[in-house]
PDB file of N, CA and C in Angstrom:
ATOM      1  N   MET A   1      83.206 112.549 178.038  1.00  0.00           N
ATOM      2  CA  MET A   1      84.055 112.719 178.922  1.00  0.00           C
ATOM      3  C   MET A   1      85.641 112.294 178.858  1.00  0.00           C
ATOM      4  N   ARG A   2      86.633 112.381 180.005  1.00  0.00           N
ATOM      5  CA  ARG A   2      87.701 111.718 179.549  1.00  0.00           C
ATOM      6  C   ARG A   2      88.004 110.901 180.971  1.00  0.00           C
ATOM      7  N   THR A   3      88.999 110.123 180.354  1.00  0.00           N
ATOM      8  CA  THR A   3      89.059 108.571 181.839  1.00  0.00           C
ATOM      9  C   THR A   3      90.358 109.326 182.817  1.00  0.00           C
ATOM     10  N   GLY A   4      90.933 110.318 181.901  1.00  0.00           N
ATOM     11  CA  GLY A   4      92.080 110.905 183.001  1.00  0.00           C
ATOM     12  C   GLY A   4      92.747 111.954 182.254  1.00  0.00           C
ATOM     13  N   VAL A   5      93.774 112.572 182.394  1.00  0.00           N
ATOM     14  CA  VAL A   5      94.470 113.618 182.093  1.00  0.00           C
ATOM     15  C   VAL A   5      95.425 113.418 180.773  1.00  0.00           C
ATOM     16  N   GLY A   6      95.144 113.993 179.375  1.00  0.00           N
ATOM     17  CA  GLY A   6      95.394 113.672 178.323  1.00  0.00           C
ATOM     18  C   GLY A   6      94.937 112.874 177.630  1.00  0.00           C
ATOM     19  N   CYS A   7      93.955 112.112 178.075  1.00  0.00           N
ATOM     20  CA  CYS A   7      93.241 110.867 177.840  1.00  0.00           C
ATOM     21  C   CYS A   7      92.054 111.771 176.340  1.00  0.00           C
ATOM     22  N   PRO A   8      91.637 110.824 175.341  1.00  0.00           N
ATOM     23  CA  PRO A   8      91.031 111.166 174.345  1.00  0.00           C
ATOM     24  C   PRO A   8      89.268 111.359 174.981  1.00  0.00           C
ATOM     25  N   GLU A   9      88.514 111.789 174.546  1.00  0.00           N
ATOM     26  CA  GLU A   9      87.298 111.938 174.963  1.00  0.00           C
ATOM     27  C   GLU A   9      86.432 110.896 174.614  1.00  0.00           C
ATOM     28  N   VAL A  10      85.632 110.288 175.408  1.00  0.00           N
ATOM     29  CA  VAL A  10      85.011 108.892 175.147  1.00  0.00           C
ATOM     30  C   VAL A  10      83.229 109.179 175.582  1.00  0.00           C
ATOM     31  N   LYS A  11      82.650 108.845 174.610  1.00  0.00           N
ATOM     32  CA  LYS A  11      81.227 109.182 174.669  1.00  0.00           C
ATOM     33  C   LYS A  11      80.521 108.401 175.480  1.00  0.00           C
ATOM     34  N   VAL A  12      79.404 108.537 176.369  1.00  0.00           N
ATOM     35  CA  VAL A  12      78.529 107.621 177.433  1.00  0.00           C
ATOM     36  C   VAL A  12      77.389 107.910 177.644  1.00  0.00           C
ATOM     37  N   THR A  13      76.678 106.824 177.894  1.00  0.00           N
ATOM     38  CA  THR A  13      75.010 106.710 177.550  1.00  0.00           C
ATOM     39  C   THR A  13      75.041 106.612 179.448  1.00  0.00           C
ATOM     40  N   VAL A  14      73.880 107.494 180.042  1.00  0.00           N
ATOM     41  CA  VAL A  14      73.964 107.730 181.008  1.00  0.00           C
ATOM     42  C   VAL A  14      72.457 107.021 181.596  1.00  0.00           C
ATOM     43  N   ILE A  15      72.282 105.945 182.424  1.00  0.00           N
ATOM     44  CA  ILE A  15      70.563 105.612 182.840  1.00  0.00           C
ATOM     45  C   ILE A  15      70.363 105.677 183.845  1.00  0.00           C
ATOM     46  N   MET A  16      69.329 106.435 183.967  1.00  0.00           N
ATOM     47  CA  MET A  16      68.619 106.731 185.278  1.00  0.00           C
ATOM     48  C   MET A  16      67.319 105.547 185.353  1.00  0.00           C
ATOM     49  N   ASP A  17      67.037 105.266 186.654  1.00  0.00           N
ATOM     50  CA  ASP A  17      65.732 104.034 186.545  1.00  0.00           C
ATOM     51  C   ASP A  17      65.429 103.384 185.361  1.00  0.00           C
ATOM     52  N   CYS A  18      66.387 102.954 184.697  1.00  0.00           N
ATOM     53  CA  CYS A  18      66.094 102.384 183.924  1.00  0.00           C
ATOM     54  C   CYS A  18      65.657 102.882 182.099  1.00  0.00           C
ATOM     55  N   ASP A  19      65.671 104.019 182.732  1.00  0.00           N
ATOM     56  CA  ASP A  19      65.074 105.215 181.658  1.00  0.00           C
ATOM     57  C   ASP A  19      66.479 105.344 180.650  1.00  0.00           C
ATOM     58  N   HIS A  20      66.331 105.490 179.130  1.00  0.00           N
ATOM     59  CA  HIS A  20      67.259 105.816 178.635  1.00  0.00           C
ATOM     60  C   HIS A  20      67.553 107.101 177.992  1.00  0.00           C
ATOM     61  N   ILE A  21      68.439 108.142 178.607  1.00  0.00           N
ATOM     62  CA  ILE A  21      68.337 109.592 178.381  1.00  0.00           C
ATOM     63  C   ILE A  21      69.362 109.810 176.970  1.00  0.00           C
ATOM     64  N   PRO A  22      68.626 110.136 176.121  1.00  0.00           N
ATOM     65  CA  PRO A  22      69.528 110.199 174.780  1.00  0.00           C
ATOM     66  C   PRO A  22      70.614 111.542 174.542  1.00  0.00           C
ATOM     67  N   TYR A  23      71.257 111.193 174.314  1.00  0.00           N
ATOM     68  CA  TYR A  23      72.716 112.031 173.866  1.00  0.00           C
ATOM     69  C   TYR A  23      72.675 113.375 173.359  1.00  0.00           C
ATOM     70  N   GLN A  24      72.898 114.938 174.287  1.00  0.00           N
ATOM     71  CA  GLN A  24      72.558 115.586 173.681  1.00  0.00           C
ATOM     72  C   GLN A  24      73.580 116.554 173.466  1.00  0.00           C
ATOM     73  N   GLN A  25      74.238 117.393 172.703  1.00  0.00           N
ATOM     74  CA  GLN A  25      75.124 118.277 172.372  1.00  0.00           C
ATOM     75  C   GLN A  25      75.334 119.357 173.294  1.00  0.00           C
ATOM     76  N   SER A  26      76.316 119.670 173.801  1.00  0.00           N
ATOM     77  CA  SER A  26      76.162 120.517 174.834  1.00  0.00           C
ATOM     78  C   SER A  26      75.888 122.004 174.282  1.00  0.00           C
ATOM     79  N   GLN A  27      75.638 122.849 174.845  1.00  0.00           N
ATOM     80  CA  GLN A  27      75.276 124.181 174.315  1.00  0.00           C
ATOM     81  C   GLN A  27      76.785 125.087 174.604  1.00  0.00           C
ATOM     82  N   ILE A  28      77.320 125.726 173.817  1.00  0.00           N
ATOM     83  CA  ILE A  28      78.379 126.477 173.602  1.00  0.00           C
ATOM     84  C   ILE A  28      78.209 127.922 174.542  1.00  0.00           C
ATOM     85  N   VAL A  29      79.020 127.795 175.170  1.00  0.00           N
ATOM     86  CA  VAL A  29      78.879 129.142 176.456  1.00  0.00           C
ATOM     87  C   VAL A  29      80.277 130.298 175.621  1.00  0.00           C
ATOM     88  N   GLU A  30      80.020 131.337 175.333  1.00  0.00           N
ATOM     89  CA  GLU A  30      80.965 132.428 175.038  1.00  0.00           C
ATOM     90  C   GLU A  30      81.882 132.822 176.158  1.00  0.00           C
ATOM     91  N   ALA A  31      82.966 133.046 175.990  1.00  0.00           N
ATOM     92  CA  ALA A  31      83.880 133.704 177.244  1.00  0.00           C
ATOM     93  C   ALA A  31      83.221 135.279 177.309  1.00  0.00           C
ATOM     94  N   LYS A  32      83.253 135.677 178.676  1.00  0.00           N
ATOM     95  CA  LYS A  32      82.925 137.153 178.502  1.00  0.00           C
ATOM     96  C   LYS A  32      84.383 137.777 178.418  1.00  0.00           C
ATOM     97  N   GLY A  33      85.397 137.602 179.002  1.00  0.00           N
ATOM     98  CA  GLY A  33      86.625 137.947 178.446  1.00  0.00           C
ATOM     99  C   GLY A  33      86.708 138.970 179.659  1.00  0.00           C
ATOM    100  N   HIS A  34      88.203 139.169 180.144  1.00  0.00           N
ATOM    101  CA  HIS A  34      88.582 139.539 181.794  1.00  0.00           C
ATOM    102  C   HIS A  34      88.190 141.297 181.884  1.00  0.00           C
ATOM    103  N   SER A  35      88.370 141.817 182.867  1.00  0.00           N
ATOM    104  CA  SER A  35      88.264 143.208 183.120  1.00  0.00           C
ATOM    105  C   SER A  35      89.583 143.597 182.884  1.00  0.00           C
ATOM    106  N   ARG A  36      89.076 145.095 182.885  1.00  0.00           N
ATOM    107  CA  ARG A  36      90.351 146.034 182.615  1.00  0.00           C
ATOM    108  C   ARG A  36      91.233 145.541 183.994  1.00  0.00           C
ATOM    109  N   ASN A  37      91.014 145.421 185.003  1.00  0.00           N
ATOM    110  CA  ASN A  37      92.005 145.452 186.301  1.00  0.00           C
ATOM    111  C   ASN A  37      92.620 144.130 186.229  1.00  0.00           C
ATOM    112  N   ARG A  38      91.747 142.847 185.548  1.00  0.00           N
ATOM    113  CA  ARG A  38      92.102 141.740 185.641  1.00  0.00           C
ATOM    114  C   ARG A  38      93.670 141.860 184.491  1.00  0.00           C
ATOM    115  N   GLN A  39      93.413 142.255 183.162  1.00  0.00           N
ATOM    116  CA  GLN A  39      93.595 142.375 182.321  1.00  0.00           C
ATOM    117  C   GLN A  39      95.529 143.221 182.544  1.00  0.00           C
ATOM    118  N   GLU A  40      95.219 144.418 183.544  1.00  0.00           N
ATOM    119  CA  GLU A  40      96.462 144.732 183.612  1.00  0.00           C
ATOM    120  C   GLU A  40      97.379 143.915 184.910  1.00  0.00           C
ATOM    121  N   TYR A  41      96.350 143.287 185.806  1.00  0.00           N
ATOM    122  CA  TYR A  41      97.078 142.442 186.841  1.00  0.00           C
ATOM    123  C   TYR A  41      98.058 141.421 185.947  1.00  0.00           C
ATOM    124  N   LEU A  42      97.279 140.793 184.868  1.00  0.00           N
ATOM    125  CA  LEU A  42      98.050 139.573 184.300  1.00  0.00           C
ATOM    126  C   LEU A  42      99.203 140.452 183.517  1.00  0.00           C
ATOM    127  N   TYR A  43      98.968 141.511 182.631  1.00  0.00           N
ATOM    128  CA  TYR A  43     100.205 141.617 182.049  1.00  0.00           C
ATOM    129  C   TYR A  43     101.307 142.358 182.899  1.00  0.00           C
ATOM    130  N   LYS A  44     100.709 143.078 183.838  1.00  0.00           N
ATOM    131  CA  LYS A  44     102.604 143.604 184.966  1.00  0.00           C
ATOM    132  C   LYS A  44     102.879 142.406 185.997  1.00  0.00           C
ATOM    133  N   ASP A  45     102.036 141.626 186.334  1.00  0.00           N
ATOM    134  CA  ASP A  45     102.479 140.850 187.449  1.00  0.00           C
ATOM    135  C   ASP A  45     102.656 139.058 187.023  1.00  0.00           C
ATOM    136  N   VAL A  46     101.901 138.747 186.235  1.00  0.00           N
ATOM    137  CA  VAL A  46     102.081 137.369 185.594  1.00  0.00           C
ATOM    138  C   VAL A  46     103.129 137.393 184.520  1.00  0.00           C
ATOM    139  N   ARG A  47     103.243 138.079 183.351  1.00  0.00           N
ATOM    140  CA  ARG A  47     103.435 137.642 182.394  1.00  0.00           C
ATOM    141  C   ARG A  47     105.044 137.634 182.139  1.00  0.00           C
ATOM    142  N   PRO A  48     105.931 138.577 183.368  1.00  0.00           N
ATOM    143  CA  PRO A  48     107.254 138.114 183.258  1.00  0.00           C
ATOM    144  C   PRO A  48     107.597 136.614 183.943  1.00  0.00           C
ATOM    145  N   PHE A  49     106.928 135.728 183.923  1.00  0.00           N
ATOM    146  CA  PHE A  49     107.383 134.537 184.854  1.00  0.00           C
ATOM    147  C   PHE A  49     106.620 133.614 183.693  1.00  0.00           C
ATOM    148  N   LEU A  50     106.134 134.143 182.622  1.00  0.00           N
ATOM    149  CA  LEU A  50     106.075 133.244 181.356  1.00  0.00           C
ATOM    150  C   LEU A  50     106.970 133.149 180.032  1.00  0.00           C
ATOM    151  N   SER A  51     107.162 131.846 179.571  1.00  0.00           N
ATOM    152  CA  SER A  51     108.161 131.872 178.505  1.00  0.00           C
ATOM    153  C   SER A  51     107.474 132.750 177.429  1.00  0.00           C
ATOM    154  N   ASP A  52     108.248 133.138 176.646  1.00  0.00           N
ATOM    155  CA  ASP A  52     108.296 134.270 175.553  1.00  0.00           C
ATOM    156  C   ASP A  52     107.108 133.576 174.843  1.00  0.00           C
ATOM    157  N   ALA A  53     107.084 132.128 174.350  1.00  0.00           N
ATOM    158  CA  ALA A  53     105.817 131.266 173.479  1.00  0.00           C
ATOM    159  C   ALA A  53     104.831 131.812 174.238  1.00  0.00           C
ATOM    160  N   ASN A  54     104.667 131.862 175.475  1.00  0.00           N
ATOM    161  CA  ASN A  54     103.086 131.841 176.312  1.00  0.00           C
ATOM    162  C   ASN A  54     102.928 133.319 176.274  1.00  0.00           C
ATOM    163  N   LYS A  55     103.313 134.374 176.462  1.00  0.00           N
ATOM    164  CA  LYS A  55     103.372 135.464 176.600  1.00  0.00           C
ATOM    165  C   LYS A  55     102.120 136.400 176.111  1.00  0.00           C
ATOM    166  N   VAL A  56     102.091 136.262 174.754  1.00  0.00           N
ATOM    167  CA  VAL A  56     101.208 136.775 174.190  1.00  0.00           C
ATOM    168  C   VAL A  56      99.595 136.361 174.116  1.00  0.00           C
ATOM    169  N   ALA A  57      99.566 135.166 174.028  1.00  0.00           N
ATOM    170  CA  ALA A  57      98.606 134.160 174.406  1.00  0.00           C
ATOM    171  C   ALA A  57      97.811 134.253 175.581  1.00  0.00           C
ATOM    172  N   THR A  58      98.593 134.394 176.805  1.00  0.00           N
ATOM    173  CA  THR A  58      98.170 134.455 177.940  1.00  0.00           C
ATOM    174  C   THR A  58      97.927 135.382 178.719  1.00  0.00           C
ATOM    175  N   CYS A  59      98.633 136.610 178.141  1.00  0.00           N
ATOM    176  CA  CYS A  59      98.697 138.065 178.992  1.00  0.00           C
ATOM    177  C   CYS A  59      98.859 138.852 178.207  1.00  0.00           C
ATOM    178  N   PRO A  60      98.327 139.064 176.805  1.00  0.00           N
ATOM    179  CA  PRO A  60      98.343 140.033 175.947  1.00  0.00           C
ATOM    180  C   PRO A  60      98.445 141.281 176.503  1.00  0.00           C
ATOM    181  N   CYS A  61      98.588 142.642 175.862  1.00  0.00           N
ATOM    182  CA  CYS A  61      98.881 143.969 176.270  1.00  0.00           C
ATOM    183  C   CYS A  61      97.438 144.236 176.879  1.00  0.00           C
ATOM    184  N   PRO A  62      96.767 144.769 177.547  1.00  0.00           N
ATOM    185  CA  PRO A  62      95.624 145.097 178.070  1.00  0.00           C
ATOM    186  C   PRO A  62      94.848 145.979 176.896  1.00  0.00           C
ATOM    187  N   GLU A  63      93.639 146.093 176.767  1.00  0.00           N
ATOM    188  CA  GLU A  63      92.783 146.433 175.404  1.00  0.00           C
ATOM    189  C   GLU A  63      92.577 147.877 175.794  1.00  0.00           C
ATOM    190  N   THR A  64      92.387 148.818 174.914  1.00  0.00           N
ATOM    191  CA  THR A  64      92.449 150.305 175.668  1.00  0.00           C
ATOM    192  C   THR A  64      91.228 150.828 175.337  1.00  0.00           C
TER     193      THR A  64
END
């Protein structure tokens, strides 16, 4: 967990009813990506408001 915005991650142990719950690594969930309509919206309507450094990473040209 993080104790605040920009703070480093801290591991904690959760105890319920005095039983120790062992730490388990979280399952990685793959991102599905955006629909074609969402890609077009981001490219046409949001991209003009971004700095040049962030345009490609945030609102790339829609996939064909």
